[in-house]
């Protein structure tokens, strides 16, 4: 998964790419494809990674997955694992005191599309910074299993 942030008060955009470990995927409910969970995990990692940029700010979050957009706007899903991730997202937003407006961007216009495929070269050529993705403690603790913190 990948993400790009365009902070108005910073000189350059910042991008990241992260591979979702199989240990994370194994904690989710079984599905034919886990793409919705992965696409929902991206905004969670974006908030955690870019918290210094979004703290106390108005944020426009653009996603190219309609299901993720709908789940984020509603704040819930019929799937338990999606609800847990949604809770992490909105808990982070609350802790960071950022107001988030969520909208959909077509895949062809998504500036994060190359980053989400591990291709950070175009961003580098454009002068974008590259960040290391940060995982929220809530997600890391859940992954470590019961009784760990």
N, C-alpha and C. Protein backbone atom coordinates (compact mmCIF):
# COMPACT_ATOMS: atom_id res chain seq x y z
N UNK A 1 0.84 -1.17 0.00
CA UNK A 1 0.00 0.00 0.00
C UNK A 1 0.89 1.23 0.00
N UNK A 2 0.35 2.34 -0.45
CA UNK A 2 1.14 3.56 -0.52
C UNK A 2 0.28 4.77 -0.26
N UNK A 3 0.96 5.87 -0.02
CA UNK A 3 0.26 7.11 0.31
C UNK A 3 1.15 8.29 -0.05
N UNK A 4 0.50 9.40 -0.38
CA UNK A 4 1.20 10.67 -0.61
C UNK A 4 0.44 11.75 0.14
N UNK A 5 1.17 12.61 0.83
CA UNK A 5 0.56 13.75 1.51
C UNK A 5 1.12 15.03 0.89
N UNK A 6 0.22 15.98 0.69
CA UNK A 6 0.58 17.29 0.15
C UNK A 6 0.28 18.36 1.20
N UNK A 7 1.13 18.51 2.19
CA UNK A 7 0.85 19.51 3.24
C UNK A 7 1.03 20.93 2.69
N UNK A 8 0.07 21.79 2.96
CA UNK A 8 0.13 23.16 2.45
C UNK A 8 1.29 23.95 3.05
N UNK A 9 1.71 23.60 4.25
CA UNK A 9 2.72 24.37 4.97
C UNK A 9 4.12 23.76 4.83
N UNK A 10 4.28 22.71 4.04
CA UNK A 10 5.59 22.07 3.84
C UNK A 10 6.07 22.33 2.42
N UNK A 11 7.35 22.27 2.24
CA UNK A 11 7.93 22.58 0.94
C UNK A 11 7.65 21.50 -0.10
N UNK A 12 7.59 20.22 0.36
CA UNK A 12 7.46 19.14 -0.62
C UNK A 12 6.47 18.08 -0.13
N UNK A 13 5.84 17.39 -1.07
CA UNK A 13 5.00 16.25 -0.71
C UNK A 13 5.86 15.13 -0.11
N UNK A 14 5.20 14.23 0.61
CA UNK A 14 5.88 13.08 1.22
C UNK A 14 5.10 11.82 0.85
N UNK A 15 5.82 10.78 0.48
CA UNK A 15 5.20 9.53 0.07
C UNK A 15 5.73 8.37 0.92
N UNK A 16 4.96 7.29 0.95
CA UNK A 16 5.48 6.05 1.52
C UNK A 16 4.88 4.85 0.81
N UNK A 17 5.57 3.74 0.95
CA UNK A 17 5.12 2.44 0.46
C UNK A 17 5.34 1.44 1.57
N UNK A 18 4.40 0.54 1.75
CA UNK A 18 4.53 -0.48 2.79
C UNK A 18 3.90 -1.78 2.30
N UNK A 19 4.60 -2.86 2.52
CA UNK A 19 4.07 -4.19 2.23
C UNK A 19 3.36 -4.67 3.48
N UNK A 20 2.15 -5.18 3.33
CA UNK A 20 1.40 -5.70 4.47
C UNK A 20 1.91 -7.12 4.74
N UNK A 21 2.48 -7.34 5.93
CA UNK A 21 3.00 -8.68 6.23
C UNK A 21 1.88 -9.72 6.29
N UNK A 22 2.23 -10.93 5.93
CA UNK A 22 1.26 -12.02 5.97
C UNK A 22 0.71 -12.22 7.38
N UNK A 23 1.53 -11.92 8.41
CA UNK A 23 1.06 -12.07 9.80
C UNK A 23 -0.10 -11.13 10.09
N UNK A 24 -0.12 -9.98 9.43
CA UNK A 24 -1.24 -9.05 9.58
C UNK A 24 -2.47 -9.62 8.88
N UNK A 25 -2.30 -10.05 7.65
CA UNK A 25 -3.40 -10.58 6.87
C UNK A 25 -4.02 -11.80 7.55
N UNK A 26 -3.19 -12.61 8.19
CA UNK A 26 -3.68 -13.81 8.87
C UNK A 26 -4.60 -13.50 10.04
N UNK A 27 -4.55 -12.29 10.58
CA UNK A 27 -5.42 -11.88 11.69
C UNK A 27 -6.81 -11.46 11.23
N UNK A 28 -6.97 -11.22 9.93
CA UNK A 28 -8.24 -10.75 9.39
C UNK A 28 -9.16 -11.93 9.11
N UNK A 29 -10.45 -11.62 8.99
CA UNK A 29 -11.41 -12.65 8.61
C UNK A 29 -11.05 -13.19 7.24
N UNK A 30 -11.21 -14.50 7.03
CA UNK A 30 -10.88 -15.07 5.71
C UNK A 30 -11.79 -14.53 4.61
N UNK A 31 -11.19 -14.17 3.50
CA UNK A 31 -11.90 -13.69 2.32
C UNK A 31 -11.17 -14.19 1.09
N UNK A 32 -11.85 -14.12 -0.05
CA UNK A 32 -11.19 -14.47 -1.31
C UNK A 32 -10.06 -13.47 -1.57
N UNK A 33 -10.33 -12.19 -1.33
CA UNK A 33 -9.31 -11.16 -1.48
C UNK A 33 -9.37 -10.22 -0.28
N UNK A 34 -8.21 -9.73 0.13
CA UNK A 34 -8.13 -8.84 1.29
C UNK A 34 -7.90 -7.39 0.86
N UNK A 35 -8.19 -7.08 -0.38
CA UNK A 35 -7.88 -5.75 -0.90
C UNK A 35 -8.59 -4.64 -0.12
N UNK A 36 -9.82 -4.86 0.30
CA UNK A 36 -10.55 -3.82 1.04
C UNK A 36 -9.85 -3.54 2.37
N UNK A 37 -9.41 -4.58 3.07
CA UNK A 37 -8.70 -4.39 4.33
C UNK A 37 -7.38 -3.66 4.10
N UNK A 38 -6.68 -4.02 3.05
CA UNK A 38 -5.40 -3.37 2.75
C UNK A 38 -5.62 -1.91 2.41
N UNK A 39 -6.66 -1.64 1.62
CA UNK A 39 -6.94 -0.24 1.25
C UNK A 39 -7.45 0.57 2.43
N UNK A 40 -8.05 -0.08 3.42
CA UNK A 40 -8.45 0.63 4.64
C UNK A 40 -7.27 0.82 5.57
N UNK A 41 -6.33 -0.09 5.54
CA UNK A 41 -5.14 0.04 6.37
C UNK A 41 -4.29 1.23 5.94
N UNK A 42 -4.30 1.57 4.65
CA UNK A 42 -3.50 2.68 4.15
C UNK A 42 -3.83 4.01 4.84
N UNK A 43 -5.10 4.42 4.97
CA UNK A 43 -5.38 5.67 5.69
C UNK A 43 -4.98 5.61 7.17
N UNK A 44 -5.07 4.41 7.77
CA UNK A 44 -4.66 4.26 9.17
C UNK A 44 -3.16 4.53 9.29
N UNK A 45 -2.38 3.89 8.42
CA UNK A 45 -0.93 4.12 8.45
C UNK A 45 -0.60 5.56 8.07
N UNK A 46 -1.38 6.14 7.17
CA UNK A 46 -1.14 7.54 6.78
C UNK A 46 -1.31 8.48 7.98
N UNK A 47 -2.37 8.29 8.76
CA UNK A 47 -2.55 9.14 9.94
C UNK A 47 -1.40 8.97 10.92
N UNK A 48 -1.01 7.73 11.16
CA UNK A 48 0.08 7.47 12.10
C UNK A 48 1.41 8.03 11.58
N UNK A 49 1.69 7.78 10.32
CA UNK A 49 2.96 8.21 9.73
C UNK A 49 3.06 9.72 9.62
N UNK A 50 1.97 10.36 9.24
CA UNK A 50 1.98 11.80 8.98
C UNK A 50 1.35 12.62 10.10
N UNK A 51 1.35 12.08 11.31
CA UNK A 51 0.65 12.76 12.39
C UNK A 51 1.18 14.17 12.65
N UNK A 52 2.46 14.41 12.45
CA UNK A 52 2.99 15.76 12.66
C UNK A 52 2.46 16.74 11.62
N UNK A 53 2.06 16.24 10.46
CA UNK A 53 1.50 17.08 9.40
C UNK A 53 0.00 17.34 9.61
N UNK A 54 -0.72 16.38 10.19
CA UNK A 54 -2.18 16.49 10.25
C UNK A 54 -2.70 16.93 11.62
N UNK A 55 -1.85 16.90 12.64
CA UNK A 55 -2.31 17.26 13.99
C UNK A 55 -2.94 18.66 13.99
N UNK A 56 -4.20 18.72 14.43
CA UNK A 56 -4.91 19.98 14.54
C UNK A 56 -5.29 20.62 13.22
N UNK A 57 -5.21 19.87 12.13
CA UNK A 57 -5.46 20.43 10.81
C UNK A 57 -6.77 19.91 10.22
N UNK A 58 -7.25 20.61 9.20
CA UNK A 58 -8.32 20.11 8.34
C UNK A 58 -7.66 19.25 7.27
N UNK A 59 -8.15 18.05 7.10
CA UNK A 59 -7.52 17.09 6.19
C UNK A 59 -8.51 16.65 5.12
N UNK A 60 -8.07 16.66 3.89
CA UNK A 60 -8.84 16.10 2.79
C UNK A 60 -8.22 14.76 2.46
N UNK A 61 -8.93 13.69 2.73
CA UNK A 61 -8.45 12.33 2.48
C UNK A 61 -9.12 11.81 1.21
N UNK A 62 -8.31 11.52 0.21
CA UNK A 62 -8.82 11.01 -1.05
C UNK A 62 -8.47 9.52 -1.15
N UNK A 63 -9.48 8.70 -1.39
CA UNK A 63 -9.29 7.27 -1.56
C UNK A 63 -9.91 6.86 -2.89
N UNK A 64 -9.35 5.80 -3.49
CA UNK A 64 -9.90 5.39 -4.79
C UNK A 64 -10.76 4.14 -4.69
N UNK A 65 -11.02 3.68 -3.49
CA UNK A 65 -11.88 2.50 -3.30
C UNK A 65 -13.22 2.94 -2.72
N UNK A 66 -14.28 2.70 -3.46
CA UNK A 66 -15.61 3.12 -3.00
C UNK A 66 -15.99 2.47 -1.68
N UNK A 67 -15.65 1.20 -1.50
CA UNK A 67 -16.00 0.50 -0.26
C UNK A 67 -15.29 1.12 0.94
N UNK A 68 -14.05 1.50 0.76
CA UNK A 68 -13.28 2.13 1.84
C UNK A 68 -13.84 3.52 2.12
N UNK A 69 -14.13 4.27 1.09
CA UNK A 69 -14.73 5.59 1.28
C UNK A 69 -16.02 5.46 2.09
N UNK A 70 -16.89 4.54 1.70
CA UNK A 70 -18.16 4.36 2.39
C UNK A 70 -17.98 3.95 3.84
N UNK A 71 -17.07 3.02 4.10
CA UNK A 71 -16.82 2.56 5.47
C UNK A 71 -16.26 3.68 6.33
N UNK A 72 -15.34 4.46 5.79
CA UNK A 72 -14.76 5.56 6.56
C UNK A 72 -15.81 6.64 6.87
N UNK A 73 -16.63 6.96 5.89
CA UNK A 73 -17.66 7.98 6.10
C UNK A 73 -18.69 7.51 7.12
N UNK A 74 -19.14 6.26 6.99
CA UNK A 74 -20.12 5.72 7.94
C UNK A 74 -19.51 5.45 9.30
N UNK A 75 -18.25 5.04 9.31
CA UNK A 75 -17.57 4.73 10.56
C UNK A 75 -17.83 3.31 11.05
N UNK A 76 -18.45 2.50 10.23
CA UNK A 76 -18.71 1.12 10.63
C UNK A 76 -18.83 0.24 9.39
N UNK A 77 -18.83 -1.07 9.65
CA UNK A 77 -19.01 -2.05 8.59
C UNK A 77 -19.68 -3.27 9.20
N UNK A 78 -20.24 -4.11 8.37
CA UNK A 78 -20.82 -5.35 8.87
C UNK A 78 -19.74 -6.38 9.19
N UNK A 79 -18.51 -6.12 8.79
CA UNK A 79 -17.40 -7.03 9.04
C UNK A 79 -16.61 -6.56 10.26
N UNK A 80 -16.42 -7.47 11.21
CA UNK A 80 -15.78 -7.13 12.48
C UNK A 80 -14.36 -6.59 12.31
N UNK A 81 -13.56 -7.20 11.44
CA UNK A 81 -12.18 -6.74 11.28
C UNK A 81 -12.12 -5.35 10.64
N UNK A 82 -13.04 -5.07 9.72
CA UNK A 82 -13.12 -3.72 9.16
C UNK A 82 -13.49 -2.72 10.25
N UNK A 83 -14.44 -3.08 11.11
CA UNK A 83 -14.85 -2.19 12.20
C UNK A 83 -13.68 -1.88 13.14
N UNK A 84 -12.88 -2.89 13.43
CA UNK A 84 -11.72 -2.67 14.31
C UNK A 84 -10.75 -1.67 13.69
N UNK A 85 -10.48 -1.82 12.40
CA UNK A 85 -9.59 -0.90 11.71
C UNK A 85 -10.19 0.50 11.61
N UNK A 86 -11.50 0.57 11.38
CA UNK A 86 -12.18 1.87 11.37
C UNK A 86 -12.06 2.55 12.73
N UNK A 87 -12.20 1.77 13.79
CA UNK A 87 -12.05 2.33 15.13
C UNK A 87 -10.66 2.89 15.36
N UNK A 88 -9.64 2.19 14.88
CA UNK A 88 -8.26 2.68 15.01
C UNK A 88 -8.11 4.00 14.25
N UNK A 89 -8.67 4.05 13.04
CA UNK A 89 -8.58 5.27 12.23
C UNK A 89 -9.20 6.45 12.96
N UNK A 90 -10.46 6.29 13.42
CA UNK A 90 -11.16 7.41 14.03
C UNK A 90 -10.60 7.75 15.41
N UNK A 91 -10.07 6.76 16.14
CA UNK A 91 -9.39 7.06 17.40
C UNK A 91 -8.14 7.91 17.16
N UNK A 92 -7.40 7.57 16.10
CA UNK A 92 -6.22 8.38 15.75
C UNK A 92 -6.63 9.80 15.37
N UNK A 93 -7.67 9.92 14.55
CA UNK A 93 -8.15 11.24 14.14
C UNK A 93 -8.54 12.07 15.36
N UNK A 94 -9.21 11.44 16.32
CA UNK A 94 -9.60 12.14 17.54
C UNK A 94 -8.38 12.55 18.35
N UNK A 95 -7.44 11.64 18.53
CA UNK A 95 -6.23 11.94 19.30
C UNK A 95 -5.42 13.06 18.65
N UNK A 96 -5.42 13.10 17.33
CA UNK A 96 -4.68 14.13 16.60
C UNK A 96 -5.48 15.42 16.43
N UNK A 97 -6.73 15.40 16.84
CA UNK A 97 -7.62 16.57 16.73
C UNK A 97 -7.64 17.12 15.30
N UNK A 98 -7.72 16.21 14.33
CA UNK A 98 -7.80 16.66 12.95
C UNK A 98 -9.21 16.39 12.43
N UNK A 99 -9.70 17.33 11.63
CA UNK A 99 -11.01 17.19 11.01
C UNK A 99 -10.78 16.61 9.61
N UNK A 100 -11.41 15.48 9.34
CA UNK A 100 -11.13 14.77 8.09
C UNK A 100 -12.37 14.75 7.20
N UNK A 101 -12.19 15.21 5.97
CA UNK A 101 -13.22 15.11 4.94
C UNK A 101 -12.76 14.03 3.98
N UNK A 102 -13.62 13.07 3.71
CA UNK A 102 -13.25 11.92 2.89
C UNK A 102 -13.99 12.01 1.56
N UNK A 103 -13.24 11.82 0.48
CA UNK A 103 -13.83 11.85 -0.84
C UNK A 103 -13.14 10.80 -1.70
N UNK A 104 -13.76 10.50 -2.81
CA UNK A 104 -13.21 9.50 -3.72
C UNK A 104 -12.47 10.17 -4.86
N UNK A 105 -11.37 9.56 -5.23
CA UNK A 105 -10.61 10.01 -6.39
C UNK A 105 -10.55 8.83 -7.37
N UNK A 106 -10.78 9.06 -8.65
CA UNK A 106 -10.67 7.96 -9.61
C UNK A 106 -9.24 7.39 -9.60
N UNK A 107 -9.12 6.11 -9.79
CA UNK A 107 -7.81 5.45 -9.77
C UNK A 107 -6.84 6.12 -10.73
N UNK A 108 -7.32 6.49 -11.92
CA UNK A 108 -6.44 7.13 -12.91
C UNK A 108 -5.92 8.48 -12.46
N UNK A 109 -6.60 9.13 -11.53
CA UNK A 109 -6.17 10.44 -11.03
C UNK A 109 -5.52 10.35 -9.65
N UNK A 110 -5.34 9.14 -9.15
CA UNK A 110 -4.82 8.95 -7.80
C UNK A 110 -3.30 9.10 -7.80
N UNK A 111 -2.81 10.15 -7.15
CA UNK A 111 -1.37 10.40 -7.11
C UNK A 111 -0.63 9.37 -6.26
N UNK A 112 -1.35 8.59 -5.46
CA UNK A 112 -0.73 7.55 -4.65
C UNK A 112 -0.67 6.20 -5.37
N UNK A 113 -1.20 6.13 -6.56
CA UNK A 113 -1.30 4.83 -7.24
C UNK A 113 0.06 4.19 -7.46
N UNK A 114 1.03 4.95 -7.94
CA UNK A 114 2.36 4.38 -8.16
C UNK A 114 3.00 3.97 -6.83
N UNK A 115 2.87 4.82 -5.82
CA UNK A 115 3.43 4.50 -4.51
C UNK A 115 2.81 3.22 -3.95
N UNK A 116 1.51 3.03 -4.19
CA UNK A 116 0.84 1.84 -3.66
C UNK A 116 1.34 0.57 -4.34
N UNK A 117 1.99 0.71 -5.46
CA UNK A 117 2.55 -0.45 -6.17
C UNK A 117 4.06 -0.57 -5.95
N UNK A 118 4.57 0.23 -5.02
CA UNK A 118 5.99 0.15 -4.69
C UNK A 118 6.89 0.97 -5.58
N UNK A 119 6.30 1.76 -6.49
CA UNK A 119 7.08 2.59 -7.41
C UNK A 119 7.16 4.01 -6.86
N UNK A 120 8.26 4.30 -6.17
CA UNK A 120 8.44 5.63 -5.57
C UNK A 120 9.33 6.52 -6.44
N UNK A 121 9.78 6.00 -7.58
CA UNK A 121 10.75 6.72 -8.40
C UNK A 121 10.18 8.01 -8.98
N UNK A 122 8.95 8.00 -9.47
CA UNK A 122 8.37 9.23 -10.03
C UNK A 122 8.32 10.31 -8.96
N UNK A 123 7.88 9.94 -7.77
CA UNK A 123 7.86 10.91 -6.67
C UNK A 123 9.23 11.48 -6.38
N UNK A 124 10.24 10.61 -6.37
CA UNK A 124 11.62 11.08 -6.14
C UNK A 124 12.04 12.05 -7.24
N UNK A 125 11.70 11.73 -8.49
CA UNK A 125 12.06 12.61 -9.61
C UNK A 125 11.36 13.96 -9.47
N UNK A 126 10.18 13.96 -8.87
CA UNK A 126 9.44 15.21 -8.67
C UNK A 126 9.89 15.96 -7.42
N UNK A 127 10.84 15.39 -6.69
CA UNK A 127 11.35 16.05 -5.50
C UNK A 127 10.59 15.73 -4.22
N UNK A 128 9.72 14.72 -4.27
CA UNK A 128 8.98 14.34 -3.07
C UNK A 128 9.91 13.66 -2.09
N UNK A 129 9.62 13.82 -0.83
CA UNK A 129 10.33 13.11 0.22
C UNK A 129 9.71 11.72 0.37
N UNK A 130 10.48 10.78 0.87
CA UNK A 130 9.98 9.44 1.14
C UNK A 130 10.10 9.17 2.63
N UNK A 131 9.01 8.73 3.23
CA UNK A 131 8.97 8.44 4.67
C UNK A 131 8.88 6.94 4.89
N UNK A 132 9.28 6.52 6.07
CA UNK A 132 9.07 5.14 6.51
C UNK A 132 7.68 5.08 7.14
N UNK A 133 6.86 4.17 6.68
CA UNK A 133 5.51 4.04 7.24
C UNK A 133 5.59 3.63 8.71
N UNK A 134 4.70 4.20 9.51
CA UNK A 134 4.62 3.87 10.94
C UNK A 134 3.31 3.14 11.21
N UNK A 135 3.39 2.09 12.01
CA UNK A 135 2.21 1.31 12.37
C UNK A 135 1.70 1.75 13.72
N UNK A 136 0.40 2.01 13.85
CA UNK A 136 -0.16 2.40 15.16
C UNK A 136 0.00 1.28 16.18
N UNK A 137 0.20 1.68 17.43
CA UNK A 137 0.36 0.70 18.51
C UNK A 137 -0.85 -0.22 18.60
N UNK A 138 -2.04 0.32 18.36
CA UNK A 138 -3.26 -0.49 18.45
C UNK A 138 -3.20 -1.67 17.47
N UNK A 139 -2.69 -1.43 16.29
CA UNK A 139 -2.61 -2.47 15.28
C UNK A 139 -1.47 -3.42 15.62
N UNK A 140 -0.33 -2.90 16.04
CA UNK A 140 0.82 -3.73 16.38
C UNK A 140 0.48 -4.63 17.57
N UNK A 141 -0.17 -4.10 18.59
CA UNK A 141 -0.54 -4.91 19.76
C UNK A 141 -1.51 -6.02 19.36
N UNK A 142 -2.47 -5.69 18.52
CA UNK A 142 -3.42 -6.70 18.04
C UNK A 142 -2.69 -7.81 17.29
N UNK A 143 -1.63 -7.44 16.57
CA UNK A 143 -0.90 -8.42 15.79
C UNK A 143 -0.03 -9.32 16.66
N UNK A 144 0.43 -8.77 17.78
CA UNK A 144 1.33 -9.53 18.64
C UNK A 144 0.59 -10.65 19.37
N UNK A 145 -0.72 -10.53 19.48
CA UNK A 145 -1.51 -11.57 20.12
C UNK A 145 -1.93 -11.19 21.52
N UNK A 146 -2.75 -12.04 22.14
CA UNK A 146 -3.26 -11.73 23.47
C UNK A 146 -2.16 -11.67 24.51
N UNK A 147 -2.34 -10.76 25.46
CA UNK A 147 -1.42 -10.66 26.59
C UNK A 147 -0.15 -9.90 26.29
N UNK A 148 -0.05 -9.26 25.12
CA UNK A 148 1.15 -8.47 24.80
C UNK A 148 0.77 -7.02 24.73
N UNK A 149 1.74 -6.18 24.96
CA UNK A 149 1.46 -4.74 24.88
C UNK A 149 2.63 -4.01 24.27
